[in-house]
Structures are given as C-alpha cells and as structure tokens.
N, C-alpha and C. Protein backbone atom coordinates (compact mmCIF):
# COMPACT_ATOMS: atom_id res chain seq x y z
N MET A 1 130.02 124.38 125.73
CA MET A 1 130.38 123.09 126.34
C MET A 1 130.40 121.98 125.29
N LEU A 2 129.37 121.97 124.42
CA LEU A 2 129.32 120.97 123.37
C LEU A 2 130.46 121.17 122.38
N LEU A 3 130.74 122.44 122.04
CA LEU A 3 131.83 122.73 121.12
C LEU A 3 133.17 122.31 121.71
N GLY A 4 133.37 122.57 123.00
CA GLY A 4 134.61 122.15 123.64
C GLY A 4 134.77 120.64 123.65
N GLY A 5 133.66 119.93 123.88
CA GLY A 5 133.73 118.47 123.86
C GLY A 5 134.09 117.94 122.49
N LEU A 6 133.54 118.55 121.44
CA LEU A 6 133.87 118.12 120.08
C LEU A 6 135.34 118.39 119.75
N ILE A 7 135.86 119.53 120.20
CA ILE A 7 137.27 119.85 119.94
C ILE A 7 138.18 118.86 120.65
N VAL A 8 137.88 118.57 121.90
CA VAL A 8 138.70 117.61 122.65
C VAL A 8 138.63 116.23 122.01
N MET A 9 137.45 115.82 121.57
CA MET A 9 137.30 114.52 120.94
C MET A 9 138.10 114.46 119.64
N GLY A 10 138.09 115.56 118.87
CA GLY A 10 138.88 115.59 117.65
C GLY A 10 140.37 115.51 117.91
N LEU A 11 140.83 116.18 118.95
CA LEU A 11 142.25 116.12 119.30
C LEU A 11 142.63 114.77 119.88
N TYR A 12 141.69 114.13 120.54
CA TYR A 12 141.99 112.86 121.21
C TYR A 12 142.29 111.74 120.22
N VAL A 13 141.73 111.81 119.01
CA VAL A 13 141.94 110.73 118.04
C VAL A 13 143.28 110.85 117.34
N VAL A 14 143.97 111.98 117.50
CA VAL A 14 145.31 112.12 116.92
C VAL A 14 146.28 111.31 117.76
N PRO A 15 147.09 110.43 117.17
CA PRO A 15 147.90 109.48 117.96
C PRO A 15 148.71 110.09 119.09
N ILE A 16 149.63 110.99 118.80
CA ILE A 16 150.51 111.52 119.85
C ILE A 16 149.83 112.67 120.59
N LEU A 17 149.19 113.54 119.84
CA LEU A 17 148.51 114.67 120.46
C LEU A 17 147.40 114.22 121.39
N GLY A 18 146.76 113.11 121.05
CA GLY A 18 145.69 112.60 121.90
C GLY A 18 146.18 112.21 123.28
N PHE A 19 147.37 111.63 123.35
CA PHE A 19 147.94 111.25 124.65
C PHE A 19 148.23 112.49 125.49
N VAL A 20 148.77 113.54 124.83
CA VAL A 20 149.06 114.78 125.54
C VAL A 20 147.77 115.42 126.06
N VAL A 21 146.75 115.44 125.21
CA VAL A 21 145.46 116.00 125.61
C VAL A 21 144.87 115.21 126.78
N TYR A 22 145.01 113.89 126.72
CA TYR A 22 144.50 113.04 127.81
C TYR A 22 145.15 113.39 129.14
N LYS A 23 146.47 113.58 129.13
CA LYS A 23 147.18 113.92 130.36
C LYS A 23 146.80 115.32 130.85
N LEU A 24 146.68 116.26 129.92
CA LEU A 24 146.32 117.62 130.32
C LEU A 24 144.92 117.68 130.92
N ILE A 25 144.00 116.95 130.33
CA ILE A 25 142.64 116.94 130.87
C ILE A 25 142.62 116.34 132.26
N GLY A 26 143.45 115.30 132.46
CA GLY A 26 143.53 114.71 133.79
C GLY A 26 144.04 115.70 134.83
N MET A 27 145.08 116.47 134.48
CA MET A 27 145.62 117.47 135.41
C MET A 27 144.62 118.59 135.66
N ILE A 28 143.94 119.03 134.59
CA ILE A 28 142.94 120.08 134.75
C ILE A 28 141.79 119.60 135.63
N GLY A 29 141.37 118.36 135.43
CA GLY A 29 140.30 117.81 136.27
C GLY A 29 140.71 117.73 137.73
N LEU A 30 141.96 117.32 137.97
CA LEU A 30 142.45 117.29 139.35
C LEU A 30 142.48 118.68 139.95
N GLY A 31 142.91 119.66 139.15
CA GLY A 31 142.93 121.03 139.64
C GLY A 31 141.53 121.53 139.98
N ILE A 32 140.54 121.17 139.18
CA ILE A 32 139.16 121.59 139.46
C ILE A 32 138.68 120.99 140.77
N VAL A 33 138.99 119.70 141.00
CA VAL A 33 138.57 119.04 142.24
C VAL A 33 139.23 119.71 143.45
N VAL A 34 140.53 119.98 143.35
CA VAL A 34 141.24 120.61 144.45
C VAL A 34 140.69 122.01 144.71
N TYR A 35 140.44 122.76 143.63
CA TYR A 35 139.91 124.13 143.80
C TYR A 35 138.53 124.10 144.43
N THR A 36 137.72 123.12 144.06
CA THR A 36 136.39 123.00 144.67
C THR A 36 136.50 122.71 146.16
N LEU A 37 137.46 121.86 146.53
CA LEU A 37 137.67 121.58 147.94
C LEU A 37 138.13 122.82 148.69
N ILE A 38 138.98 123.61 148.05
CA ILE A 38 139.45 124.85 148.69
C ILE A 38 138.28 125.79 148.95
N LEU A 39 137.41 125.96 147.95
CA LEU A 39 136.25 126.84 148.13
C LEU A 39 135.34 126.34 149.24
N ALA A 40 135.17 125.01 149.33
CA ALA A 40 134.31 124.46 150.38
C ALA A 40 134.91 124.71 151.76
N VAL A 41 136.23 124.53 151.88
CA VAL A 41 136.89 124.76 153.17
C VAL A 41 136.80 126.23 153.57
N ARG A 42 137.06 127.14 152.62
CA ARG A 42 137.00 128.57 152.93
C ARG A 42 135.60 129.01 153.30
N GLU A 43 134.60 128.46 152.61
CA GLU A 43 133.22 128.84 152.93
C GLU A 43 132.84 128.38 154.32
N ARG A 44 133.31 127.17 154.68
CA ARG A 44 133.00 126.67 156.02
C ARG A 44 133.71 127.49 157.09
N GLN A 45 134.95 127.92 156.80
CA GLN A 45 135.68 128.74 157.77
C GLN A 45 135.05 130.11 157.93
N ASN A 46 134.54 130.67 156.83
CA ASN A 46 133.93 131.99 156.91
C ASN A 46 132.60 131.97 157.65
N THR A 47 131.89 130.86 157.56
CA THR A 47 130.58 130.77 158.21
C THR A 47 130.68 130.25 159.63
N HIS A 48 131.90 129.85 160.03
CA HIS A 48 132.06 129.32 161.38
C HIS A 48 132.14 130.47 162.37
N VAL A 49 131.21 130.55 163.28
CA VAL A 49 131.15 131.62 164.27
C VAL A 49 131.26 131.00 165.65
N VAL A 50 132.19 131.49 166.40
CA VAL A 50 132.36 131.00 167.77
C VAL A 50 131.53 131.87 168.69
N ALA A 51 130.60 131.26 169.36
CA ALA A 51 129.71 132.00 170.26
C ALA A 51 130.44 132.30 171.57
N ALA A 52 130.44 133.56 171.96
CA ALA A 52 131.09 133.96 173.20
C ALA A 52 130.15 133.68 174.37
N PRO A 53 130.68 133.24 175.50
CA PRO A 53 129.81 132.98 176.65
C PRO A 53 129.19 134.25 177.18
N ALA A 54 127.92 134.20 177.52
CA ALA A 54 127.20 135.37 178.02
C ALA A 54 127.68 135.69 179.42
N PRO A 55 127.91 136.98 179.74
CA PRO A 55 128.35 137.33 181.10
C PRO A 55 127.26 137.07 182.12
N ALA A 56 127.68 136.60 183.26
CA ALA A 56 126.72 136.30 184.32
C ALA A 56 126.22 137.58 184.96
N ALA A 57 124.97 137.60 185.35
CA ALA A 57 124.39 138.78 185.99
C ALA A 57 124.95 138.93 187.39
N ALA A 58 125.03 140.19 187.83
CA ALA A 58 125.60 140.44 189.15
C ALA A 58 124.75 139.82 190.25
N SER A 59 123.41 139.87 190.06
CA SER A 59 122.53 139.31 191.07
C SER A 59 122.71 137.82 191.18
N ASP A 60 122.89 137.15 190.05
CA ASP A 60 123.10 135.71 190.07
C ASP A 60 124.40 135.37 190.78
N ALA A 61 125.44 136.21 190.54
CA ALA A 61 126.72 135.95 191.18
C ALA A 61 126.62 136.11 192.68
N ALA A 62 125.80 137.11 193.11
CA ALA A 62 125.66 137.32 194.55
C ALA A 62 124.87 136.21 195.20
N ALA A 63 123.88 135.68 194.47
CA ALA A 63 123.02 134.64 195.05
C ALA A 63 123.67 133.27 195.03
N SER A 64 124.60 133.05 194.13
CA SER A 64 125.21 131.73 194.02
C SER A 64 126.18 131.50 195.16
N PRO A 65 126.28 130.27 195.66
CA PRO A 65 127.23 129.98 196.74
C PRO A 65 128.65 130.07 196.22
N ILE A 66 129.55 130.23 197.17
CA ILE A 66 130.97 130.32 196.81
C ILE A 66 131.42 129.00 196.22
N SER A 67 131.92 129.05 195.02
CA SER A 67 132.36 127.83 194.35
C SER A 67 133.78 127.50 194.78
N PRO A 68 134.14 126.25 194.75
CA PRO A 68 135.51 125.87 195.11
C PRO A 68 136.49 126.40 194.10
N PRO A 69 137.73 126.59 194.49
CA PRO A 69 138.73 127.10 193.55
C PRO A 69 138.90 126.15 192.37
N PRO A 70 139.06 126.71 191.16
CA PRO A 70 139.19 125.83 189.99
C PRO A 70 140.45 125.00 190.06
N ALA A 71 140.33 123.83 189.46
CA ALA A 71 141.48 122.92 189.44
C ALA A 71 142.56 123.48 188.54
N SER A 72 143.76 123.07 188.80
CA SER A 72 144.88 123.54 187.98
C SER A 72 144.69 123.08 186.55
N PRO A 73 144.94 123.94 185.58
CA PRO A 73 144.72 123.57 184.18
C PRO A 73 145.66 122.45 183.75
N ALA A 74 145.14 121.64 182.83
CA ALA A 74 145.94 120.54 182.32
C ALA A 74 147.04 121.09 181.43
N PRO A 75 148.17 120.42 181.42
CA PRO A 75 149.26 120.90 180.56
C PRO A 75 148.86 120.89 179.10
N VAL A 76 149.23 121.92 178.40
CA VAL A 76 148.88 122.04 176.99
C VAL A 76 150.11 121.76 176.15
N SER A 77 149.85 121.31 174.93
CA SER A 77 150.94 121.03 174.02
C SER A 77 151.52 122.34 173.50
N PRO A 78 152.81 122.36 173.17
CA PRO A 78 153.41 123.60 172.69
C PRO A 78 152.77 124.07 171.39
N VAL A 79 152.64 125.38 171.26
CA VAL A 79 152.05 125.97 170.07
C VAL A 79 153.16 126.36 169.11
N PHE A 80 153.08 125.91 167.89
CA PHE A 80 154.08 126.22 166.89
C PHE A 80 153.52 127.29 165.98
N SER A 81 154.23 128.38 165.89
CA SER A 81 153.75 129.54 165.15
C SER A 81 154.34 129.56 163.75
N ALA A 82 153.61 130.21 162.85
CA ALA A 82 154.10 130.38 161.48
C ALA A 82 155.25 131.36 161.43
N ASP A 83 155.54 132.04 162.56
CA ASP A 83 156.65 132.98 162.60
C ASP A 83 158.00 132.29 162.81
N LEU A 84 157.99 131.00 163.08
CA LEU A 84 159.24 130.26 163.22
C LEU A 84 159.98 130.23 161.88
N PRO A 85 161.28 129.94 161.89
CA PRO A 85 162.03 129.89 160.63
C PRO A 85 161.41 128.89 159.65
N ARG A 86 161.27 129.32 158.42
CA ARG A 86 160.67 128.47 157.40
C ARG A 86 161.67 127.40 156.92
N ALA A 87 161.17 126.23 156.66
CA ALA A 87 162.01 125.14 156.18
C ALA A 87 162.30 125.33 154.70
N GLY A 88 163.52 125.06 154.30
CA GLY A 88 163.92 125.20 152.91
C GLY A 88 163.62 123.97 152.08
N PHE A 89 164.03 124.04 150.83
CA PHE A 89 163.70 122.98 149.87
C PHE A 89 164.36 121.66 150.23
N TRP A 90 165.67 121.67 150.48
CA TRP A 90 166.40 120.41 150.63
C TRP A 90 166.02 119.67 151.90
N ILE A 91 165.81 120.38 153.00
CA ILE A 91 165.42 119.70 154.23
C ILE A 91 164.02 119.10 154.10
N ARG A 92 163.15 119.78 153.37
CA ARG A 92 161.82 119.23 153.15
C ARG A 92 161.85 118.02 152.23
N MET A 93 162.71 118.07 151.21
CA MET A 93 162.83 116.92 150.34
C MET A 93 163.46 115.74 151.08
N GLY A 94 164.37 116.02 152.02
CA GLY A 94 164.94 114.95 152.83
C GLY A 94 163.89 114.28 153.68
N ALA A 95 163.02 115.07 154.30
CA ALA A 95 161.93 114.50 155.10
C ALA A 95 160.97 113.71 154.23
N LEU A 96 160.66 114.23 153.04
CA LEU A 96 159.78 113.52 152.12
C LEU A 96 160.41 112.20 151.67
N PHE A 97 161.71 112.20 151.43
CA PHE A 97 162.39 110.97 151.03
C PHE A 97 162.29 109.91 152.13
N ILE A 98 162.45 110.33 153.38
CA ILE A 98 162.32 109.38 154.49
C ILE A 98 160.91 108.79 154.53
N ASP A 99 159.90 109.64 154.34
CA ASP A 99 158.52 109.14 154.35
C ASP A 99 158.26 108.19 153.18
N ILE A 100 158.81 108.51 152.01
CA ILE A 100 158.63 107.62 150.86
C ILE A 100 159.26 106.26 151.12
N VAL A 101 160.45 106.26 151.71
CA VAL A 101 161.12 104.99 152.03
C VAL A 101 160.31 104.19 153.04
N LEU A 102 159.79 104.85 154.07
CA LEU A 102 159.01 104.16 155.09
C LEU A 102 157.74 103.56 154.50
N VAL A 103 157.03 104.33 153.69
CA VAL A 103 155.80 103.82 153.07
C VAL A 103 156.13 102.70 152.09
N GLY A 104 157.23 102.85 151.34
CA GLY A 104 157.63 101.79 150.41
C GLY A 104 157.97 100.50 151.11
N VAL A 105 158.67 100.60 152.24
CA VAL A 105 159.01 99.40 153.01
C VAL A 105 157.74 98.75 153.56
N ALA A 106 156.82 99.57 154.04
CA ALA A 106 155.58 99.02 154.58
C ALA A 106 154.74 98.32 153.51
N LEU A 107 154.83 98.81 152.27
CA LEU A 107 154.04 98.22 151.19
C LEU A 107 154.80 97.16 150.40
N SER A 108 156.05 96.91 150.77
CA SER A 108 156.87 95.98 149.98
C SER A 108 156.32 94.56 150.01
N ALA A 109 155.60 94.21 151.08
CA ALA A 109 155.06 92.86 151.18
C ALA A 109 153.71 92.72 150.49
N VAL A 110 153.18 93.82 149.98
CA VAL A 110 151.87 93.81 149.34
C VAL A 110 152.04 93.68 147.84
N ARG A 111 151.35 92.74 147.23
CA ARG A 111 151.44 92.56 145.78
C ARG A 111 150.77 93.72 145.07
N GLY A 112 151.44 94.22 144.03
CA GLY A 112 150.90 95.35 143.28
C GLY A 112 150.96 96.66 144.04
N ALA A 113 151.93 96.77 144.99
CA ALA A 113 152.01 97.97 145.81
C ALA A 113 152.41 99.20 145.01
N ASP A 114 153.09 99.00 143.87
CA ASP A 114 153.53 100.14 143.08
C ASP A 114 152.36 100.99 142.59
N GLU A 115 151.20 100.37 142.43
CA GLU A 115 150.05 101.09 141.91
C GLU A 115 149.36 101.94 142.97
N VAL A 116 149.63 101.68 144.25
CA VAL A 116 148.93 102.40 145.32
C VAL A 116 149.89 103.19 146.21
N THR A 117 151.15 103.26 145.83
CA THR A 117 152.12 103.94 146.69
C THR A 117 151.77 105.41 146.90
N LEU A 118 151.47 106.13 145.82
CA LEU A 118 151.15 107.55 145.95
C LEU A 118 149.87 107.81 146.75
N PRO A 119 148.76 107.08 146.48
CA PRO A 119 147.57 107.29 147.32
C PRO A 119 147.81 106.97 148.79
N VAL A 120 148.56 105.90 149.06
CA VAL A 120 148.85 105.55 150.46
C VAL A 120 149.73 106.62 151.09
N LEU A 121 150.70 107.14 150.33
CA LEU A 121 151.56 108.19 150.85
C LEU A 121 150.75 109.46 151.16
N ALA A 122 149.79 109.79 150.30
CA ALA A 122 148.93 110.95 150.54
C ALA A 122 148.07 110.74 151.78
N ALA A 123 147.49 109.54 151.92
CA ALA A 123 146.66 109.25 153.10
C ALA A 123 147.50 109.29 154.38
N TYR A 124 148.71 108.74 154.29
CA TYR A 124 149.62 108.77 155.44
C TYR A 124 149.95 110.21 155.84
N GLY A 125 150.24 111.05 154.85
CA GLY A 125 150.56 112.44 155.14
C GLY A 125 149.39 113.18 155.76
N ALA A 126 148.19 113.01 155.19
CA ALA A 126 147.01 113.70 155.72
C ALA A 126 146.74 113.28 157.17
N MET A 127 146.86 111.99 157.46
CA MET A 127 146.60 111.51 158.81
C MET A 127 147.63 112.05 159.80
N MET A 128 148.91 112.03 159.43
CA MET A 128 149.95 112.50 160.32
C MET A 128 149.88 114.01 160.52
N TRP A 129 149.56 114.77 159.48
CA TRP A 129 149.44 116.22 159.62
C TRP A 129 148.32 116.59 160.56
N LYS A 130 147.22 115.84 160.50
CA LYS A 130 146.09 116.13 161.39
C LYS A 130 146.40 115.74 162.82
N LEU A 131 146.96 114.56 163.02
CA LEU A 131 147.15 114.04 164.38
C LEU A 131 148.41 114.58 165.05
N LYS A 132 149.50 114.73 164.30
CA LYS A 132 150.78 115.12 164.88
C LYS A 132 151.31 116.45 164.36
N GLY A 133 150.74 116.96 163.29
CA GLY A 133 151.27 118.18 162.72
C GLY A 133 152.51 117.96 161.88
N THR A 134 152.96 116.75 161.73
CA THR A 134 154.14 116.42 160.95
C THR A 134 154.15 114.92 160.68
N THR A 135 155.08 114.49 159.86
CA THR A 135 155.23 113.07 159.56
C THR A 135 156.47 112.54 160.27
N ILE A 136 156.74 111.26 160.10
CA ILE A 136 157.94 110.68 160.73
C ILE A 136 159.19 111.34 160.16
N GLY A 137 159.21 111.54 158.85
CA GLY A 137 160.34 112.26 158.26
C GLY A 137 160.45 113.67 158.80
N GLY A 138 159.31 114.31 159.02
CA GLY A 138 159.33 115.65 159.59
C GLY A 138 159.83 115.67 161.02
N ILE A 139 159.50 114.64 161.78
CA ILE A 139 159.99 114.55 163.16
C ILE A 139 161.51 114.41 163.16
N LEU A 140 162.04 113.55 162.30
CA LEU A 140 163.48 113.35 162.25
C LEU A 140 164.21 114.61 161.78
N CYS A 141 163.58 115.38 160.90
CA CYS A 141 164.20 116.60 160.38
C CYS A 141 163.76 117.85 161.15
N ARG A 142 162.98 117.68 162.22
CA ARG A 142 162.49 118.78 163.06
C ARG A 142 161.68 119.79 162.24
N LEU A 143 160.71 119.26 161.50
CA LEU A 143 159.82 120.09 160.70
C LEU A 143 158.39 119.95 161.22
N ARG A 144 157.61 120.98 160.98
CA ARG A 144 156.20 120.92 161.37
C ARG A 144 155.38 121.75 160.41
N VAL A 145 154.19 121.25 160.09
CA VAL A 145 153.24 121.95 159.22
C VAL A 145 152.29 122.75 160.10
N VAL A 146 152.21 124.04 159.86
CA VAL A 146 151.31 124.92 160.61
C VAL A 146 150.50 125.75 159.63
N ARG A 147 149.38 126.23 160.09
CA ARG A 147 148.54 127.09 159.27
C ARG A 147 148.97 128.54 159.42
N VAL A 148 148.86 129.28 158.35
CA VAL A 148 149.29 130.68 158.38
C VAL A 148 148.38 131.54 159.26
N ASP A 149 147.15 131.08 159.53
CA ASP A 149 146.24 131.84 160.38
C ASP A 149 146.32 131.40 161.84
N ALA A 150 147.35 130.57 162.17
CA ALA A 150 147.61 130.14 163.55
C ALA A 150 146.52 129.25 164.12
N ARG A 151 145.63 128.74 163.29
CA ARG A 151 144.61 127.82 163.77
C ARG A 151 145.11 126.39 163.66
N GLU A 152 144.45 125.52 164.39
CA GLU A 152 144.85 124.12 164.39
C GLU A 152 144.52 123.47 163.05
N ILE A 153 145.37 122.57 162.61
CA ILE A 153 145.13 121.85 161.35
C ILE A 153 143.98 120.88 161.56
N ASP A 154 142.91 121.04 160.78
CA ASP A 154 141.78 120.13 160.85
C ASP A 154 141.86 119.14 159.69
N TRP A 155 140.87 118.26 159.64
CA TRP A 155 140.88 117.23 158.60
C TRP A 155 140.75 117.85 157.22
N SER A 156 139.96 118.89 157.08
CA SER A 156 139.79 119.51 155.77
C SER A 156 141.11 120.07 155.25
N THR A 157 141.84 120.75 156.12
CA THR A 157 143.14 121.31 155.71
C THR A 157 144.11 120.21 155.35
N ALA A 158 144.16 119.15 156.17
CA ALA A 158 145.09 118.05 155.91
C ALA A 158 144.77 117.34 154.59
N ILE A 159 143.48 117.11 154.33
CA ILE A 159 143.09 116.39 153.11
C ILE A 159 143.34 117.26 151.88
N VAL A 160 142.98 118.54 151.97
CA VAL A 160 143.22 119.45 150.83
C VAL A 160 144.72 119.53 150.54
N ARG A 161 145.54 119.60 151.57
CA ARG A 161 146.99 119.67 151.36
C ARG A 161 147.51 118.39 150.71
N ALA A 162 146.99 117.24 151.16
CA ALA A 162 147.44 115.97 150.59
C ALA A 162 147.04 115.86 149.12
N LEU A 163 145.80 116.23 148.79
CA LEU A 163 145.36 116.17 147.41
C LEU A 163 146.11 117.17 146.54
N SER A 164 146.43 118.33 147.11
CA SER A 164 147.14 119.34 146.34
C SER A 164 148.56 118.92 146.01
N CYS A 165 149.11 117.99 146.77
CA CYS A 165 150.45 117.47 146.47
C CYS A 165 150.48 116.82 145.09
N PHE A 166 149.38 116.19 144.69
CA PHE A 166 149.32 115.59 143.35
C PHE A 166 149.43 116.68 142.29
N LEU A 167 148.79 117.82 142.54
CA LEU A 167 148.88 118.92 141.59
C LEU A 167 150.30 119.46 141.52
N SER A 168 150.97 119.56 142.66
CA SER A 168 152.37 120.02 142.68
C SER A 168 153.28 119.05 141.94
N LEU A 169 152.95 117.77 142.01
CA LEU A 169 153.78 116.75 141.36
C LEU A 169 153.45 116.62 139.89
N ALA A 170 152.19 116.85 139.51
CA ALA A 170 151.76 116.59 138.13
C ALA A 170 152.46 117.50 137.13
N CYS A 171 152.72 118.73 137.52
CA CYS A 171 153.36 119.70 136.60
C CYS A 171 154.87 119.59 136.70
N ALA A 172 155.39 118.40 136.44
CA ALA A 172 156.83 118.13 136.44
C ALA A 172 157.48 118.52 137.77
N GLY A 173 156.73 118.40 138.84
CA GLY A 173 157.27 118.72 140.15
C GLY A 173 157.46 120.19 140.42
N LEU A 174 156.91 121.05 139.56
CA LEU A 174 157.10 122.49 139.71
C LEU A 174 156.51 123.01 141.02
N GLY A 175 155.44 122.35 141.50
CA GLY A 175 154.84 122.79 142.75
C GLY A 175 155.77 122.63 143.94
N PHE A 176 156.65 121.60 143.89
CA PHE A 176 157.63 121.43 144.95
C PHE A 176 158.82 122.37 144.75
N LEU A 177 159.25 122.56 143.51
CA LEU A 177 160.36 123.46 143.23
C LEU A 177 160.02 124.90 143.57
N TRP A 178 158.73 125.21 143.67
CA TRP A 178 158.31 126.56 143.98
C TRP A 178 158.83 127.02 145.34
N ILE A 179 159.17 126.06 146.20
CA ILE A 179 159.72 126.40 147.52
C ILE A 179 160.99 127.22 147.37
N VAL A 180 161.79 126.91 146.35
CA VAL A 180 163.07 127.58 146.16
C VAL A 180 162.87 129.05 145.84
N PHE A 181 161.86 129.37 145.04
CA PHE A 181 161.68 130.73 144.53
C PHE A 181 160.72 131.57 145.37
N ASP A 182 159.91 130.93 146.20
CA ASP A 182 158.89 131.66 146.94
C ASP A 182 159.51 132.31 148.18
N ASN A 183 159.16 133.55 148.43
CA ASN A 183 159.69 134.26 149.60
C ASN A 183 159.23 133.65 150.91
N SER A 184 158.05 133.06 150.92
CA SER A 184 157.52 132.43 152.13
C SER A 184 157.87 130.96 152.23
N ARG A 185 158.65 130.46 151.27
CA ARG A 185 159.05 129.04 151.25
C ARG A 185 157.83 128.13 151.23
N GLN A 186 156.82 128.54 150.47
CA GLN A 186 155.61 127.74 150.34
C GLN A 186 155.60 127.02 149.01
N SER A 187 155.21 125.78 149.03
CA SER A 187 154.95 125.04 147.80
C SER A 187 153.54 125.36 147.32
N TRP A 188 153.17 124.79 146.16
CA TRP A 188 151.81 125.02 145.68
C TRP A 188 150.79 124.47 146.66
N HIS A 189 151.05 123.27 147.18
CA HIS A 189 150.06 122.68 148.09
C HIS A 189 150.02 123.44 149.42
N ASP A 190 151.12 124.10 149.79
CA ASP A 190 151.06 124.97 150.98
C ASP A 190 150.16 126.18 150.72
N LYS A 191 150.31 126.79 149.55
CA LYS A 191 149.51 127.97 149.23
C LYS A 191 148.03 127.61 149.13
N ILE A 192 147.74 126.44 148.56
CA ILE A 192 146.35 126.03 148.41
C ILE A 192 145.71 125.75 149.77
N ALA A 193 146.45 125.06 150.64
CA ALA A 193 145.90 124.69 151.95
C ALA A 193 146.08 125.78 153.00
N GLY A 194 146.85 126.82 152.69
CA GLY A 194 147.08 127.88 153.67
C GLY A 194 148.01 127.45 154.78
N THR A 195 149.08 126.73 154.45
CA THR A 195 150.01 126.22 155.45
C THR A 195 151.44 126.63 155.11
N VAL A 196 152.31 126.49 156.08
CA VAL A 196 153.74 126.65 155.89
C VAL A 196 154.44 125.55 156.67
N VAL A 197 155.67 125.26 156.29
CA VAL A 197 156.48 124.28 157.01
C VAL A 197 157.58 125.04 157.73
N VAL A 198 157.66 124.84 159.06
CA VAL A 198 158.61 125.59 159.87
C VAL A 198 159.61 124.62 160.51
N ARG A 199 160.74 125.19 160.91
CA ARG A 199 161.77 124.44 161.63
C ARG A 199 161.46 124.51 163.12
N VAL A 200 161.38 123.37 163.76
CA VAL A 200 161.07 123.31 165.20
C VAL A 200 162.37 123.46 165.98
N PRO A 201 162.43 124.38 166.94
CA PRO A 201 163.66 124.53 167.71
C PRO A 201 163.91 123.31 168.57
N ARG A 202 165.18 123.07 168.87
CA ARG A 202 165.55 121.95 169.72
C ARG A 202 165.06 122.18 171.14
N ALA A 203 164.60 121.08 171.75
CA ALA A 203 164.16 121.17 173.13
C ALA A 203 165.36 121.34 174.05
N ARG A 204 165.22 122.21 175.03
CA ARG A 204 166.30 122.47 175.96
C ARG A 204 166.06 121.77 177.30
C-alpha cells in the first residue's frame, strides 16, 4: 500500500501523465464505491428471508366462528416481466435525451446549474425508477426498467443503478455503447444493478 502510494505520487508530479493518473484514480475510486454498494445489496438480498405463515390447527379452525367472506382484492398494478422485448440502444438514448432536456430546462433558472446537472439527473433517475419504474422519457418511449429476478425495484437497486451510470459514462461512454453488443441489451449499469430495460406493449 505504501509502495503504491509512492508510485502514484511520483506519477502525479509529471505534468501530463499526472492529469491522466488523476482521472484514472477517480474512475477506479468510483468503481470501488459502486462495487461495494453492489456487495452490500447482494448480501442484504441473500440474508432476506420471508417467513411463511404458520398453518392453522384443525381444532382452532373448528372452534373459531364462521368468518365473513373476504373482501374483493384491490386492483393491482400490471407486472412487467424481464421476458418482454428488450429495448435497443437508440430508443434508450432517445429517452435519455428527453430526460436530459427536461432536467436541463428545470435547472436553467438556477445559477451554476452546469455543475450539478449530472448529480441531479442521477437523483431524478433513481427516484423515478423506484416510484414509477421508468422516467418521463421512458414513459414517452414506452420503456420500463425491471429486475432480472422479477422482484420489485427497491431504493438500493435504484441508487446502485444511478451511481453505476457514472461508471458507464466515465469510460468514454462505453458502458452505454455496451447495449449494442450485449445479447441481453444490458448496459454496464444494468449488469451491475441486475436490471434490464424492456419495451412496454401498447394498452388495448
């Protein structure tokens, strides 16, 4: 560790090479943070145990009075499966462009908004993915973010996906271009968060 610090310090004082090292260390640090979040989310998912309700004893059922018929169940929201058609690169970039324009317009009245556009965009995405499963751009393009394990998107998944977008962008946007080459049409942040983007069928 000490030797690595000395090597980095020596490289950092070189005029041009130092700038490159500074950027690389920043990306590596971001990757470490994202990977740590992934491990924390996976550990929590693995330790999460859903307790099954204990079956009622026959004697208790016989002794209990006749209960009234259960009320009709409340309508549930449609479930979007990862088996739906996967969204391609251009439609996803179109939805992202709409979101960038919307966030930019919202921040246009704020002084120094250029410095906070990306963090605000990430926070906006995480909030919309958790609450709606998609963003405004995704709604207009009929896209939805779903988990590959068919579970509901929680805050941990949404935040990890939002932070992982920085990693996809930092490497010259290669994490987004990965959608073109990946058989599952997953970007880097999709693979990290365990999500896919699907095309929502039109309502009939």
